[in-house]
Amino acid sequence: MKAWLVTWDWAGEHARVEEPIAAIINPRTSAERVREMVEWIYVNSEYSLSERMQYANNRKFNPYPARLGSLEGVTWDGYIECGANPWLYARKVSDLQVIDDGNGNQKLTWVERSTEEIEELARKIRVARGIGSA
């Protein structure tokens, strides 16, 4: 199955998140809608109640808005990040599967976009800008 996969990432054990899978979203959902969802997950997971109230009243309050990624300096909807440490990372993945060990424990497996696919997109951007060769 293909999907938007939203996971927690962190630097250092002090920021470790117990459950790294934050969400699985339909792959046909627009990047802008996923960005909004990722930001909502972050706000409601990491902010205090008073910070959540401020955010609900005015989204400009948010010090860590979710942002679309960039590739070769161009906004790219291939991934979305939100937060500091820990932070959320959303991207489209393929071959998403749940593995059940038979004892009620489940593990999620998936395939990330290949480095070659991302490099090819970057090359196309450079060519469009007149920087690289076709």
Protein backbone atom coordinates (compact mmCIF):
# COMPACT_ATOMS: atom_id res chain seq x y z
CA MET A 1 0.00 0.00 0.00
CA LYS A 2 1.14 3.56 -0.69
CA ALA A 3 0.50 6.23 1.95
CA TRP A 4 1.68 9.40 3.59
CA LEU A 5 3.60 8.16 6.62
CA VAL A 6 4.13 10.54 9.53
CA THR A 7 6.83 9.56 12.01
CA TRP A 8 8.58 11.15 14.96
CA ASP A 9 12.33 11.71 14.75
CA TRP A 10 14.63 12.97 17.48
CA ALA A 11 18.22 13.67 18.38
CA GLY A 12 19.34 12.19 21.70
CA GLU A 13 17.66 9.80 24.09
CA HIS A 14 16.18 12.68 26.11
CA ALA A 15 13.83 13.44 23.19
CA ARG A 16 12.92 9.82 22.34
CA VAL A 17 9.26 9.24 21.51
CA GLU A 18 7.73 5.99 22.72
CA GLU A 19 5.59 5.43 19.61
CA PRO A 20 7.41 6.74 16.51
CA ILE A 21 4.47 6.19 14.12
CA ALA A 22 2.30 9.33 14.39
CA ALA A 23 -0.11 8.83 11.47
CA ILE A 24 -0.86 6.99 8.25
CA ILE A 25 -2.72 9.13 5.71
CA ASN A 26 -4.36 8.34 2.37
CA PRO A 27 -1.81 8.91 -0.43
CA ARG A 28 -4.33 10.98 -2.43
CA THR A 29 -4.46 13.59 0.32
CA SER A 30 -2.88 16.84 -0.86
CA ALA A 31 0.46 17.89 0.58
CA GLU A 32 -1.13 21.08 1.93
CA ARG A 33 -3.78 19.10 3.81
CA VAL A 34 -1.10 16.73 5.16
CA ARG A 35 0.93 19.77 6.24
CA GLU A 36 -2.08 21.03 8.22
CA MET A 37 -2.59 17.60 9.81
CA VAL A 38 1.09 17.27 10.75
CA GLU A 39 1.05 20.69 12.38
CA TRP A 40 -2.12 19.78 14.32
CA ILE A 41 -0.53 16.52 15.55
CA TYR A 42 2.58 18.40 16.69
CA VAL A 43 0.66 21.15 18.47
CA ASN A 44 -1.57 18.68 20.30
CA SER A 45 1.31 16.38 21.24
CA GLU A 46 3.99 18.86 22.28
CA TYR A 47 2.35 22.10 23.44
CA SER A 48 0.94 22.92 26.87
CA LEU A 49 -2.78 23.59 27.24
CA SER A 50 -2.23 27.36 27.27
CA GLU A 51 -0.07 27.14 24.12
CA ARG A 52 -2.79 25.08 22.43
CA MET A 53 -5.34 27.74 23.33
CA GLN A 54 -3.11 30.45 21.84
CA TYR A 55 -2.67 28.38 18.69
CA ALA A 56 -6.43 27.78 18.43
CA ASN A 57 -7.00 31.54 18.70
CA ASN A 58 -4.24 32.54 16.28
CA ARG A 59 -2.15 30.09 14.26
CA LYS A 60 0.56 32.71 13.88
CA PHE A 61 1.44 31.94 17.51
CA ASN A 62 3.02 28.67 16.40
CA PRO A 63 6.83 28.76 16.74
CA TYR A 64 7.15 25.46 14.82
CA PRO A 65 4.84 25.56 11.79
CA ALA A 66 4.85 22.55 9.50
CA ARG A 67 6.76 23.25 6.30
CA LEU A 68 6.94 21.61 2.93
CA GLY A 69 10.41 20.41 2.06
CA SER A 70 12.70 21.81 -0.59
CA LEU A 71 14.73 20.29 -3.36
CA GLU A 72 17.40 22.34 -5.14
CA GLY A 73 16.01 25.42 -3.39
CA VAL A 74 12.49 24.83 -4.75
CA THR A 75 9.53 24.08 -2.48
CA TRP A 76 8.80 20.38 -2.88
CA ASP A 77 5.80 18.53 -1.53
CA GLY A 78 7.74 15.26 -1.26
CA TYR A 79 8.15 15.67 2.48
CA ILE A 80 6.95 17.80 5.36
CA GLU A 81 8.67 18.58 8.67
CA CYS A 82 7.35 20.12 11.86
CA GLY A 83 8.89 20.77 15.24
CA ALA A 84 12.21 20.99 17.01
CA ASN A 85 13.31 17.96 19.03
CA PRO A 86 11.42 15.72 18.64
CA TRP A 87 10.00 16.63 15.22
CA LEU A 88 7.51 15.11 12.82
CA TYR A 89 8.51 13.92 9.36
CA ALA A 90 5.83 13.14 6.75
CA ARG A 91 6.51 11.63 3.36
CA LYS A 92 4.94 9.30 0.82
CA VAL A 93 6.07 5.71 1.14
CA SER A 94 5.24 2.50 -0.69
CA ASP A 95 4.82 -1.15 0.24
CA LEU A 96 3.42 -0.18 3.65
CA GLN A 97 2.64 -3.33 5.62
CA VAL A 98 1.73 -4.34 9.14
CA ILE A 99 3.62 -7.37 10.43
CA ASP A 100 1.88 -9.18 13.29
CA ASP A 101 4.02 -11.51 15.41
CA GLY A 102 1.00 -13.54 16.58
CA ASN A 103 1.30 -12.29 20.17
CA GLY A 104 -0.59 -9.06 19.61
CA ASN A 105 2.54 -7.09 18.71
CA GLN A 106 2.53 -5.24 15.41
CA LYS A 107 5.34 -3.66 13.46
CA LEU A 108 5.05 -1.37 10.45
CA THR A 109 7.36 -1.79 7.47
CA TRP A 110 7.63 0.40 4.37
CA VAL A 111 9.83 1.42 1.47
CA GLU A 112 11.12 5.01 1.29
CA ARG A 113 11.53 6.85 -2.01
CA SER A 114 14.81 5.85 -3.60
CA THR A 115 17.79 8.18 -3.64
CA GLU A 116 17.84 7.75 -7.42
CA GLU A 117 14.24 9.00 -7.74
CA ILE A 118 15.00 12.09 -5.65
CA GLU A 119 18.24 12.75 -7.55
CA GLU A 120 16.33 12.53 -10.84
CA LEU A 121 13.82 15.12 -9.60
CA ALA A 122 16.70 17.39 -8.56
CA ARG A 123 18.31 16.96 -11.99
CA LYS A 124 15.05 17.95 -13.70
CA ILE A 125 14.88 21.09 -11.56
CA ARG A 126 18.47 22.01 -12.49
CA VAL A 127 17.73 21.44 -16.18
CA ALA A 128 14.58 23.59 -15.97
CA ARG A 129 16.71 26.34 -14.45
CA GLY A 130 19.33 25.98 -17.17
CA ILE A 131 21.95 24.76 -14.68
CA GLY A 132 22.32 21.15 -15.75
CA SER A 133 22.15 19.04 -18.86
CA ALA A 134 19.27 16.90 -20.02
